[in-house]
Amino acid sequence: MRKDIENCVAAIKQKIKGKDEQIQLALVCLLAKGHLLLEDLPGMGKTTLSQCLASVLSMEYARVQFTSDLLPADMLGVNIYESDTHQFTFHPGPIFHQVLLADEINRASPKTQSALLEAMAESQVTIDGTSYELPSPFFVIATQNPLFQSGTYPLPESQIDRFTMKLSLGFPNFEAEKSMLLSNDESTFNETVLNTDLLLSLQQQVSKVVVSESIVDYILALVNATRHSQEFPNALSPRASKAIYHCAQAFAFMHDRDFVIPEDVQMILPAVTEHRLRGQDQYAQTTNLLSKQLLNKVDPIAA
């Protein structure tokens, strides 16, 4: 693994114990210029992970608690009339930060949820007909509780598809939880490993990782398998194809290679596709059954 990325993982591991794979995939998502959805029961460390990511990468961070009464303007900002100047002045909301934590996103109304769509797709927001650029890099991390819990609104498929990856931390293993209890560390995580300029440089380098035609054929074979089979509740969109492509580049880059191999695609595929394939069907969501089924269905050599 690249030394600078390894240092980031090591720093976050001080706070999030026993979840190396999820930490690495979260960094892959960021390097691929994507957005991340974290689904888990309360108290699993979703918010802590988002805070740690922002800290190690020296990114401006804002947290918005999504509730049933949250309005789009509370997040995006609003034009306020100034009596002194007799003009409207735009007051930006918390979305104008490099990392936005949309905490418990599925507890807000669909109208508020959909306010994120333009920001996630185009890195801008439009208020009263005027478009405002968001900072770069811009990374949305949304957390959600399982839909069987009370007071939740399902995310529409259009929004689910805009999340590049979906991860679940799950319960820590015995040793990790024991270490967490014995350390009794309640201090705020505040460790910087990379600066924002270096992160932007790394994202540029990721986009230059070589993806051969045979790898592209493999990605397309995987995507098309979902479109011509009744085994999958939802077919993968062209946006999903791009997400697989860019995340495979980021995974290869993270492991110090300037070209993508089939194993890179296979490693990131569950996190990139399971939530898209399953949609709102929450059954066995964390077991990655559909993405594993898809990998077994398509031979990389035949592709």
Protein backbone atom coordinates (compact mmCIF):
# COMPACT_ATOMS: atom_id res chain seq x y z
CA MET A 1 0.00 0.00 0.00
CA ARG A 2 1.16 3.55 -0.73
CA LYS A 3 2.90 4.99 2.31
CA ASP A 4 0.78 8.15 2.54
CA ILE A 5 -2.46 6.16 2.32
CA GLU A 6 -1.13 3.61 4.79
CA ASN A 7 -0.42 6.44 7.25
CA CYS A 8 -4.04 7.63 6.91
CA VAL A 9 -5.36 4.13 7.57
CA ALA A 10 -3.06 3.73 10.57
CA ALA A 11 -4.22 7.04 12.05
CA ILE A 12 -7.92 6.20 11.68
CA LYS A 13 -7.33 2.71 13.14
CA GLN A 14 -6.43 4.37 16.42
CA LYS A 15 -10.09 5.33 16.76
CA ILE A 16 -11.94 2.74 14.61
CA LYS A 17 -10.56 -0.63 15.67
CA GLY A 18 -10.83 -3.86 13.71
CA LYS A 19 -12.32 -2.28 10.56
CA ASP A 20 -9.32 -2.02 8.24
CA GLU A 21 -11.23 -3.06 5.11
CA GLN A 22 -14.00 -0.49 5.62
CA ILE A 23 -11.45 2.27 6.30
CA GLN A 24 -9.56 1.43 3.11
CA LEU A 25 -12.75 1.35 1.03
CA ALA A 26 -13.88 4.70 2.45
CA LEU A 27 -10.56 6.19 1.32
CA VAL A 28 -10.99 4.54 -2.09
CA CYS A 29 -14.38 6.26 -2.39
CA LEU A 30 -12.85 9.65 -1.58
CA LEU A 31 -9.90 9.17 -3.95
CA ALA A 32 -12.41 8.27 -6.70
CA LYS A 33 -14.24 11.59 -6.07
CA GLY A 34 -17.34 9.71 -4.96
CA HIS A 35 -19.81 9.92 -2.10
CA LEU A 36 -20.28 7.41 0.71
CA LEU A 37 -23.36 5.91 2.37
CA LEU A 38 -22.92 4.22 5.75
CA GLU A 39 -25.75 2.01 6.98
CA ASP A 40 -25.72 0.43 10.42
CA LEU A 41 -27.44 0.24 13.74
CA PRO A 42 -26.90 3.27 16.02
CA GLY A 43 -23.62 3.35 17.94
CA MET A 44 -21.45 1.48 15.45
CA GLY A 45 -19.02 4.33 14.75
CA LYS A 46 -20.42 5.80 11.53
CA THR A 47 -20.10 9.40 12.72
CA THR A 48 -16.68 8.74 14.22
CA LEU A 49 -15.41 7.36 10.90
CA SER A 50 -16.57 10.49 9.04
CA GLN A 51 -14.89 12.76 11.59
CA CYS A 52 -11.64 10.79 11.36
CA LEU A 53 -11.61 10.94 7.54
CA ALA A 54 -12.04 14.71 7.60
CA SER A 55 -9.36 15.13 10.27
CA VAL A 56 -6.58 13.01 8.70
CA LEU A 57 -7.09 14.77 5.36
CA SER A 58 -7.36 18.29 6.84
CA MET A 59 -10.77 18.91 5.27
CA GLU A 60 -13.41 21.39 6.42
CA TYR A 61 -16.14 19.39 8.13
CA ALA A 62 -19.81 20.02 8.87
CA ARG A 63 -22.42 17.75 10.37
CA VAL A 64 -26.14 18.12 9.69
CA GLN A 65 -28.54 16.08 11.79
CA PHE A 66 -31.31 15.07 9.40
CA THR A 67 -34.66 15.21 11.15
CA SER A 68 -38.26 15.18 9.95
CA ASP A 69 -38.51 18.99 10.22
CA LEU A 70 -35.23 19.79 8.42
CA LEU A 71 -35.77 22.00 5.36
CA PRO A 72 -33.56 22.19 2.24
CA ALA A 73 -32.66 25.80 3.10
CA ASP A 74 -31.32 24.66 6.48
CA MET A 75 -28.66 22.70 4.60
CA LEU A 76 -28.12 24.67 1.37
CA GLY A 77 -28.43 28.24 2.60
CA VAL A 78 -30.84 31.08 1.98
CA ASN A 79 -31.08 34.59 0.53
CA ILE A 80 -31.82 37.15 3.25
CA TYR A 81 -32.98 40.69 2.59
CA GLU A 82 -30.59 43.29 4.04
CA SER A 83 -32.43 46.49 4.96
CA ASP A 84 -29.20 48.52 4.89
CA THR A 85 -28.39 47.75 1.28
CA HIS A 86 -31.94 46.96 0.10
CA GLN A 87 -30.55 43.80 -1.49
CA PHE A 88 -30.70 40.09 -0.89
CA THR A 89 -27.50 38.50 0.43
CA PHE A 90 -26.84 34.78 0.18
CA HIS A 91 -25.96 33.10 3.46
CA PRO A 92 -24.42 29.68 2.68
CA GLY A 93 -25.49 26.62 4.62
CA PRO A 94 -23.36 23.78 5.99
CA ILE A 95 -23.22 22.08 2.59
CA PHE A 96 -20.46 24.57 1.70
CA HIS A 97 -17.85 22.45 3.49
CA GLN A 98 -15.45 19.93 1.99
CA VAL A 99 -16.92 17.08 4.02
CA LEU A 100 -20.64 17.08 4.74
CA LEU A 101 -21.95 14.47 7.15
CA ALA A 102 -25.66 13.96 6.47
CA ASP A 103 -26.39 12.15 9.71
CA GLU A 104 -29.36 9.76 9.68
CA ILE A 105 -30.31 10.95 6.20
CA ASN A 106 -33.35 8.68 5.99
CA ARG A 107 -35.03 10.42 8.93
CA ALA A 108 -35.54 13.57 6.83
CA SER A 109 -38.37 14.03 4.35
CA PRO A 110 -37.87 13.08 0.68
CA LYS A 111 -37.91 16.80 -0.23
CA THR A 112 -34.89 17.47 1.98
CA GLN A 113 -33.12 14.29 0.86
CA SER A 114 -33.48 15.31 -2.78
CA ALA A 115 -31.84 18.68 -2.09
CA LEU A 116 -28.51 16.82 -2.11
CA LEU A 117 -28.91 15.47 -5.64
CA GLU A 118 -27.50 18.45 -7.56
CA ALA A 119 -24.66 18.88 -5.08
CA MET A 120 -23.60 15.25 -5.35
CA ALA A 121 -23.84 15.10 -9.13
CA GLU A 122 -22.47 18.50 -10.13
CA SER A 123 -20.64 19.91 -7.06
CA GLN A 124 -22.88 22.96 -7.10
CA VAL A 125 -26.22 24.10 -5.69
CA THR A 126 -28.81 26.40 -7.22
CA ILE A 127 -30.62 28.88 -4.96
CA ASP A 128 -33.30 31.15 -6.43
CA GLY A 129 -31.94 30.62 -9.94
CA THR A 130 -28.29 31.31 -9.06
CA SER A 131 -25.72 28.49 -9.04
CA TYR A 132 -22.99 28.37 -6.41
CA GLU A 133 -19.89 26.22 -6.71
CA LEU A 134 -19.10 23.90 -3.80
CA PRO A 135 -15.57 23.59 -2.40
CA SER A 136 -13.10 21.12 -3.82
CA PRO A 137 -12.72 18.38 -2.83
CA PHE A 138 -16.37 17.84 -1.92
CA PHE A 139 -17.33 14.63 -0.16
CA VAL A 140 -20.78 13.68 1.15
CA ILE A 141 -20.93 11.01 3.83
CA ALA A 142 -24.47 10.00 4.70
CA THR A 143 -25.43 7.68 7.52
CA GLN A 144 -28.70 5.86 7.70
CA ASN A 145 -30.44 3.50 10.06
CA PRO A 146 -31.96 0.27 8.74
CA LEU A 147 -35.42 0.82 7.28
CA PHE A 148 -37.07 -1.50 9.78
CA GLN A 149 -36.43 1.14 12.47
CA SER A 150 -39.21 3.62 13.17
CA GLY A 151 -39.25 7.12 11.73
CA THR A 152 -37.30 6.43 8.55
CA TYR A 153 -38.05 7.38 4.92
CA PRO A 154 -36.60 5.17 2.16
CA LEU A 155 -34.05 6.88 -0.07
CA PRO A 156 -35.27 7.06 -3.68
CA GLU A 157 -33.38 4.93 -6.19
CA SER A 158 -32.11 8.09 -7.92
CA GLN A 159 -30.33 9.10 -4.72
CA ILE A 160 -29.10 5.62 -3.88
CA ASP A 161 -27.44 5.54 -7.30
CA ARG A 162 -25.56 8.75 -6.54
CA PHE A 163 -23.76 7.17 -3.61
CA THR A 164 -20.61 5.69 -5.10
CA MET A 165 -20.23 3.20 -2.25
CA LYS A 166 -22.25 1.85 0.61
CA LEU A 167 -20.48 0.37 3.62
CA SER A 168 -21.50 -1.22 6.89
CA LEU A 169 -19.13 -1.28 9.87
CA GLY A 170 -20.96 -3.98 11.81
CA PHE A 171 -20.18 -5.12 15.33
CA PRO A 172 -16.50 -5.07 16.32
CA ASN A 173 -14.82 -8.38 17.04
CA PHE A 174 -14.06 -9.40 20.62
CA GLU A 175 -10.47 -8.17 20.68
CA ALA A 176 -11.27 -4.84 19.00
CA GLU A 177 -14.10 -4.08 21.43
CA LYS A 178 -11.98 -5.15 24.40
CA SER A 179 -9.19 -2.82 23.27
CA MET A 180 -11.71 0.00 22.87
CA LEU A 181 -13.03 -0.49 26.41
CA LEU A 182 -9.60 -0.77 28.01
CA SER A 183 -8.24 2.32 26.27
CA ASN A 184 -11.17 4.39 27.59
CA ASP A 185 -10.19 7.16 25.15
CA GLU A 186 -13.02 9.70 24.90
CA SER A 187 -10.87 12.50 23.49
CA THR A 188 -11.72 14.15 20.19
CA PHE A 189 -9.79 12.73 17.25
CA ASN A 190 -7.58 15.46 15.82
CA GLU A 191 -4.75 14.08 13.74
CA THR A 192 -3.73 15.42 10.33
CA VAL A 193 -1.78 13.19 7.91
CA LEU A 194 -2.32 14.82 4.49
CA ASN A 195 -3.30 18.33 3.49
CA THR A 196 -6.03 19.22 1.03
CA ASP A 197 -3.63 20.14 -1.78
CA LEU A 198 -2.00 16.73 -1.59
CA LEU A 199 -5.41 15.05 -1.58
CA LEU A 200 -6.38 16.89 -4.76
CA SER A 201 -3.07 15.80 -6.30
CA LEU A 202 -3.76 12.18 -5.35
CA GLN A 203 -7.22 12.37 -6.93
CA GLN A 204 -5.62 13.64 -10.13
CA GLN A 205 -3.11 10.79 -10.10
CA VAL A 206 -5.92 8.27 -9.60
CA SER A 207 -7.63 9.47 -12.77
CA LYS A 208 -4.43 8.62 -14.72
CA VAL A 209 -4.29 4.97 -13.61
CA VAL A 210 -4.42 2.84 -16.77
CA VAL A 211 -7.55 0.76 -17.38
CA SER A 212 -6.98 -1.62 -20.27
CA GLU A 213 -9.66 -2.49 -22.81
CA SER A 214 -9.94 -6.00 -21.37
CA ILE A 215 -10.73 -4.56 -17.92
CA VAL A 216 -13.33 -2.24 -19.45
CA ASP A 217 -14.86 -5.29 -21.17
CA TYR A 218 -14.95 -7.06 -17.79
CA ILE A 219 -16.73 -4.11 -16.15
CA LEU A 220 -19.25 -3.93 -18.97
CA ALA A 221 -19.82 -7.69 -18.85
CA LEU A 222 -20.64 -7.38 -15.13
CA VAL A 223 -22.98 -4.46 -15.71
CA ASN A 224 -24.75 -6.05 -18.66
CA ALA A 225 -25.26 -9.29 -16.74
CA THR A 226 -27.58 -7.37 -14.41
CA ARG A 227 -29.53 -5.95 -17.35
CA HIS A 228 -30.28 -9.25 -19.06
CA SER A 229 -31.13 -11.43 -16.09
CA GLN A 230 -34.12 -11.73 -13.78
CA GLU A 231 -31.82 -12.67 -10.90
CA PHE A 232 -31.21 -9.02 -9.97
CA PRO A 233 -34.00 -6.74 -8.69
CA ASN A 234 -32.37 -3.65 -10.25
CA ALA A 235 -30.04 -3.31 -13.21
CA LEU A 236 -26.82 -1.30 -12.91
CA SER A 237 -26.88 2.11 -14.57
CA PRO A 238 -24.12 3.80 -16.61
CA ARG A 239 -23.39 5.82 -13.44
CA ALA A 240 -22.66 2.51 -11.72
CA SER A 241 -20.30 1.54 -14.58
CA LYS A 242 -18.35 4.78 -14.01
CA ALA A 243 -18.28 4.17 -10.26
CA ILE A 244 -16.80 0.68 -10.73
CA TYR A 245 -14.24 2.09 -13.19
CA HIS A 246 -13.09 4.96 -10.99
CA CYS A 247 -13.07 2.96 -7.74
CA ALA A 248 -11.00 0.21 -9.39
CA GLN A 249 -8.52 2.91 -10.42
CA ALA A 250 -8.41 4.22 -6.85
CA PHE A 251 -7.97 0.74 -5.38
CA ALA A 252 -5.09 0.01 -7.76
CA PHE A 253 -3.50 3.39 -6.95
CA MET A 254 -3.86 2.77 -3.22
CA HIS A 255 -1.92 -0.47 -3.67
CA ASP A 256 0.87 1.31 -5.54
CA ARG A 257 0.01 0.20 -9.08
CA ASP A 258 -0.52 2.42 -12.11
CA PHE A 259 -2.79 -0.09 -13.86
CA VAL A 260 -5.98 -1.95 -12.93
CA ILE A 261 -6.21 -5.73 -12.67
CA PRO A 262 -9.41 -7.86 -12.40
CA GLU A 263 -8.86 -8.33 -8.66
CA ASP A 264 -9.21 -4.56 -8.17
CA VAL A 265 -12.66 -4.67 -9.75
CA GLN A 266 -13.62 -7.68 -7.66
CA MET A 267 -12.51 -6.07 -4.39
CA ILE A 268 -14.55 -2.90 -4.81
CA LEU A 269 -17.59 -4.38 -6.57
CA PRO A 270 -19.68 -5.32 -3.49
CA ALA A 271 -19.37 -1.86 -1.95
CA VAL A 272 -20.17 -0.16 -5.27
CA THR A 273 -23.03 -2.33 -6.51
CA GLU A 274 -24.88 -4.11 -3.69
CA HIS A 275 -27.01 -1.10 -2.69
CA ARG A 276 -27.80 -0.39 -6.35
CA LEU A 277 -28.74 -3.98 -7.15
CA ARG A 278 -30.91 -4.36 -4.09
CA GLY A 279 -32.59 -0.95 -4.03
CA GLN A 280 -34.97 -0.70 -1.10
CA ASP A 281 -34.98 -4.44 -0.38
CA GLN A 282 -33.14 -4.57 2.94
CA TYR A 283 -33.06 -8.37 3.29
CA ALA A 284 -29.50 -9.61 3.85
CA GLN A 285 -28.24 -6.21 2.74
CA THR A 286 -24.93 -6.56 4.57
CA THR A 287 -24.08 -10.00 3.19
CA ASN A 288 -23.41 -8.78 -0.38
CA LEU A 289 -25.28 -11.75 -1.80
CA LEU A 290 -26.20 -10.16 -5.12
CA SER A 291 -22.74 -8.76 -5.87
CA LYS A 292 -21.14 -12.11 -5.05
CA GLN A 293 -23.66 -13.77 -7.32
CA LEU A 294 -22.73 -11.31 -10.05
CA LEU A 295 -19.00 -12.00 -9.66
CA ASN A 296 -19.65 -15.74 -9.91
CA LYS A 297 -21.73 -15.21 -13.04
CA VAL A 298 -19.06 -13.37 -15.06
CA ASP A 299 -15.64 -14.82 -15.80
CA PRO A 300 -12.98 -12.08 -16.13
CA ILE A 301 -11.08 -14.14 -18.71
CA ALA A 302 -14.17 -14.65 -20.85
CA ALA A 303 -14.91 -10.93 -20.63
